[in-house]
């Protein structure tokens, strides 16, 4: 009888240990899924930031082009005025 009782107790202990490990595995799987979701969200935010930087860069390029165009226009107007004066003097 003692051997049967010890065997039953050992089987019960293994069964209990198996249940606890399964709970730990479930918690680990949940943690992995949460970490994966957070990593995906971080990547989305980084991509949005990169797009914002790209849009800002494009806007700055447009402003730079406009300023350059205005400067060239002013230089051309000054040159035209100088040519007109020079032609009038000749």
Protein backbone atom coordinates (compact mmCIF):
# COMPACT_ATOMS: atom_id res chain seq x y z
CA UNK A 1 0.00 0.00 0.00
CA UNK A 2 2.83 2.39 0.77
CA UNK A 3 4.28 1.88 -2.72
CA UNK A 4 0.90 2.68 -4.29
CA UNK A 5 0.47 5.77 -2.14
CA UNK A 6 3.99 7.00 -3.00
CA UNK A 7 3.36 6.34 -6.71
CA UNK A 8 0.05 8.20 -6.59
CA UNK A 9 1.68 11.10 -4.73
CA UNK A 10 4.50 11.23 -7.30
CA UNK A 11 2.04 11.23 -10.20
CA UNK A 12 0.00 13.97 -8.54
CA UNK A 13 3.15 16.04 -8.00
CA UNK A 14 4.15 15.68 -11.65
CA UNK A 15 0.63 16.59 -12.72
CA UNK A 16 0.65 19.68 -10.55
CA UNK A 17 4.07 20.68 -11.85
CA UNK A 18 2.88 20.24 -15.42
CA UNK A 19 -0.08 22.54 -14.79
CA UNK A 20 2.16 25.27 -13.39
CA UNK A 21 4.54 25.11 -16.35
CA UNK A 22 1.65 25.41 -18.78
CA UNK A 23 0.53 28.59 -17.05
CA UNK A 24 4.05 29.98 -17.32
CA UNK A 25 4.16 29.12 -21.04
CA UNK A 26 0.82 30.86 -21.54
CA UNK A 27 2.11 33.97 -19.76
CA UNK A 28 5.29 33.91 -21.86
CA UNK A 29 3.25 33.62 -25.07
CA UNK A 30 1.12 36.56 -23.97
CA UNK A 31 4.25 38.59 -23.21
CA UNK A 32 5.74 37.72 -26.61
CA UNK A 33 2.53 38.77 -28.38
CA UNK A 34 2.40 42.05 -26.46
CA UNK A 35 6.06 42.72 -27.23
CA UNK A 36 5.48 41.97 -30.92
CA UNK A 37 2.51 44.36 -31.01
CA UNK A 38 4.52 47.09 -29.28
CA UNK A 39 7.42 46.59 -31.70
CA UNK A 40 5.01 46.87 -34.64
CA UNK A 41 3.59 50.07 -33.20
CA UNK A 42 7.09 51.47 -32.70
CA UNK A 43 7.92 50.72 -36.34
CA UNK A 44 4.73 52.45 -37.48
CA UNK A 45 5.57 55.54 -35.44
CA UNK A 46 9.13 55.55 -36.78
CA UNK A 47 7.82 55.30 -40.34
CA UNK A 48 5.44 58.18 -39.71
CA UNK A 49 8.32 60.22 -38.27
CA UNK A 50 10.43 59.42 -41.33
CA UNK A 51 7.58 60.50 -43.61
CA UNK A 52 7.24 63.74 -41.64
CA UNK A 53 10.97 64.38 -41.98
CA UNK A 54 10.71 63.71 -45.72
CA UNK A 55 7.78 66.09 -46.06
CA UNK A 56 9.63 68.76 -44.09
CA UNK A 57 12.69 68.28 -46.28
CA UNK A 58 10.56 68.68 -49.41
CA UNK A 59 8.94 71.81 -48.01
CA UNK A 60 12.33 73.32 -47.21
CA UNK A 61 13.54 72.48 -50.70
CA UNK A 62 10.50 74.26 -52.15
CA UNK A 63 11.15 77.34 -50.02
CA UNK A 64 14.81 77.29 -51.05
CA UNK A 65 13.82 77.03 -54.71
CA UNK A 66 11.40 79.93 -54.34
CA UNK A 67 14.03 82.11 -52.68
CA UNK A 68 16.56 81.18 -55.35
CA UNK A 69 14.04 82.00 -58.09
CA UNK A 70 13.26 85.35 -56.50
CA UNK A 71 16.96 86.18 -56.19
CA UNK A 72 17.58 85.24 -59.81
CA UNK A 73 14.59 87.33 -60.86
CA UNK A 74 15.92 90.33 -58.94
CA UNK A 75 19.39 89.84 -60.45
CA UNK A 76 17.89 89.62 -63.93
CA UNK A 77 15.84 92.77 -63.33
CA UNK A 78 18.93 94.64 -62.16
CA UNK A 79 20.88 93.42 -65.17
CA UNK A 80 18.05 94.44 -67.50
CA UNK A 81 17.96 97.89 -65.90
CA UNK A 82 21.71 98.24 -66.29
CA UNK A 83 21.50 97.16 -69.93
CA UNK A 84 18.72 99.67 -70.55
CA UNK A 85 20.79 102.49 -69.05
CA UNK A 86 23.84 101.35 -71.02
CA UNK A 87 21.86 101.21 -74.25
CA UNK A 88 20.39 104.66 -73.62
CA UNK A 89 23.82 106.14 -73.09
CA UNK A 90 25.16 104.64 -76.31
